[in-house]
Amino acid sequence: MKKDNPTYDKACKFAIRIVKAYQYLCNEKKEYTLSKQMLRSGTSIGANIAEANGAISNAEFSNKISIEYKECLETEYWLSLLKDTDYLDEKIFKSMHEDADEIGKILFAILKKTRINKK
């Protein structure tokens, strides 16, 4: 993990939680469809942050941040659906959703700043 980028670190730690939740859902709950969607969106957040760090223009950086933010929202959706279908208990859901929400708020603030600076 990169020590100079707290958002990247949070996204990596969140991705690890997502992978472990996916393993739990597959092994213990025998749920494969919804959890695969959660895995895809939840792990792509950090991957897109890594790509944004390598952006060669402000527009490319802003675009990657936008994608990351949307992936956060999608991950929150899958977490909610897994909770509402009794695959995730309330405690696990709340903890993971709070992490996703925190990352989403950071990304939205960055996105807002990059879009304002563009004007």
Protein backbone atom coordinates (compact mmCIF):
# COMPACT_ATOMS: atom_id res chain seq x y z
CA MET A 1 0.00 0.00 0.00
CA LYS A 2 1.13 3.52 -0.70
CA LYS A 3 1.91 5.44 2.45
CA ASP A 4 1.51 8.84 0.80
CA ASN A 5 -2.09 8.33 -0.28
CA PRO A 6 -4.58 7.74 2.56
CA THR A 7 -7.50 7.31 0.14
CA TYR A 8 -5.64 4.56 -1.70
CA ASP A 9 -4.83 2.88 1.64
CA LYS A 10 -8.48 3.01 2.73
CA ALA A 11 -9.58 1.57 -0.61
CA CYS A 12 -7.03 -1.26 -0.35
CA LYS A 13 -8.12 -2.15 3.17
CA PHE A 14 -11.73 -2.02 2.03
CA ALA A 15 -10.94 -4.29 -0.93
CA ILE A 16 -9.43 -6.83 1.48
CA ARG A 17 -12.67 -6.76 3.51
CA ILE A 18 -14.65 -7.20 0.29
CA VAL A 19 -12.57 -10.23 -0.74
CA LYS A 20 -13.01 -11.80 2.71
CA ALA A 21 -16.75 -11.12 2.63
CA TYR A 22 -16.91 -12.71 -0.83
CA GLN A 23 -15.09 -15.79 0.44
CA TYR A 24 -17.45 -16.01 3.41
CA LEU A 25 -20.54 -15.61 1.24
CA CYS A 26 -19.38 -18.29 -1.19
CA ASN A 27 -18.09 -20.78 1.39
CA GLU A 28 -20.61 -20.35 4.20
CA LYS A 29 -23.76 -19.00 2.55
CA LYS A 30 -23.33 -20.60 -0.90
CA GLU A 31 -24.16 -17.25 -2.50
CA TYR A 32 -22.29 -16.60 -5.74
CA THR A 33 -24.17 -14.09 -7.89
CA LEU A 34 -24.69 -10.98 -5.75
CA SER A 35 -21.38 -11.46 -3.98
CA LYS A 36 -19.52 -11.60 -7.31
CA GLN A 37 -20.99 -8.20 -8.21
CA MET A 38 -19.94 -6.85 -4.79
CA LEU A 39 -16.44 -8.27 -5.33
CA ARG A 40 -16.13 -6.66 -8.75
CA SER A 41 -17.25 -3.19 -7.73
CA GLY A 42 -15.66 -3.20 -4.27
CA THR A 43 -12.20 -4.13 -5.50
CA SER A 44 -12.25 -1.84 -8.51
CA ILE A 45 -12.32 1.26 -6.29
CA GLY A 46 -8.67 0.88 -5.31
CA ALA A 47 -7.66 -0.16 -8.82
CA ASN A 48 -9.15 3.04 -10.22
CA ILE A 49 -7.39 5.10 -7.55
CA ALA A 50 -4.13 3.52 -8.67
CA GLU A 51 -4.97 4.47 -12.25
CA ALA A 52 -5.92 8.01 -11.20
CA ASN A 53 -2.53 8.36 -9.52
CA GLY A 54 -0.97 7.75 -12.92
CA ALA A 55 -3.22 10.15 -14.82
CA ILE A 56 -1.45 12.33 -17.36
CA SER A 57 -4.02 15.13 -17.30
CA ASN A 58 -6.47 16.72 -14.89
CA ALA A 59 -9.35 15.56 -17.08
CA GLU A 60 -8.16 11.94 -16.92
CA PHE A 61 -7.69 12.20 -13.15
CA SER A 62 -11.19 13.64 -12.71
CA ASN A 63 -12.68 10.92 -14.90
CA LYS A 64 -11.05 8.15 -12.84
CA ILE A 65 -12.24 9.74 -9.59
CA SER A 66 -15.75 9.84 -11.05
CA ILE A 67 -15.58 6.13 -11.87
CA GLU A 68 -14.30 5.32 -8.37
CA TYR A 69 -17.14 7.27 -6.80
CA LYS A 70 -19.71 5.40 -8.89
CA GLU A 71 -18.11 2.07 -7.96
CA CYS A 72 -18.50 3.02 -4.29
CA LEU A 73 -22.19 3.71 -4.80
CA GLU A 74 -22.60 0.40 -6.63
CA THR A 75 -20.82 -1.47 -3.85
CA GLU A 76 -23.15 0.10 -1.29
CA TYR A 77 -26.08 -1.14 -3.37
CA TRP A 78 -24.78 -4.74 -3.43
CA LEU A 79 -24.07 -4.64 0.30
CA SER A 80 -27.63 -3.44 0.95
CA LEU A 81 -29.08 -6.13 -1.27
CA LEU A 82 -27.02 -8.83 0.45
CA LYS A 83 -28.25 -7.58 3.83
CA ASP A 84 -31.87 -7.35 2.70
CA THR A 85 -31.75 -10.92 1.39
CA ASP A 86 -30.29 -12.16 4.71
CA TYR A 87 -26.85 -13.06 3.37
CA LEU A 88 -25.10 -10.39 5.47
CA ASP A 89 -26.04 -9.68 9.05
CA GLU A 90 -26.71 -6.14 10.20
CA LYS A 91 -23.40 -5.71 12.05
CA ILE A 92 -21.22 -6.73 9.10
CA PHE A 93 -23.35 -4.73 6.68
CA LYS A 94 -23.21 -1.59 8.81
CA SER A 95 -19.45 -1.76 9.22
CA MET A 96 -18.75 -2.37 5.53
CA HIS A 97 -21.33 0.18 4.39
CA GLU A 98 -19.79 2.82 6.67
CA ASP A 99 -16.36 2.13 5.13
CA ALA A 100 -17.75 2.43 1.60
CA ASP A 101 -19.62 5.59 2.54
CA GLU A 102 -16.48 7.17 4.02
CA ILE A 103 -14.47 6.40 0.88
CA GLY A 104 -17.33 7.69 -1.27
CA LYS A 105 -17.43 10.99 0.62
CA ILE A 106 -13.68 11.45 0.19
CA LEU A 107 -13.92 10.68 -3.53
CA PHE A 108 -16.88 13.03 -3.97
CA ALA A 109 -14.96 15.84 -2.27
CA ILE A 110 -11.99 15.23 -4.57
CA LEU A 111 -14.28 15.07 -7.59
CA LYS A 112 -16.00 18.29 -6.62
CA LYS A 113 -12.65 20.04 -6.20
CA THR A 114 -11.30 18.78 -9.54
CA ARG A 115 -14.46 19.89 -11.33
CA ILE A 116 -14.47 23.33 -9.65
CA ASN A 117 -10.78 23.88 -10.46
CA LYS A 118 -11.57 23.02 -14.07
CA LYS A 119 -13.87 26.01 -14.43
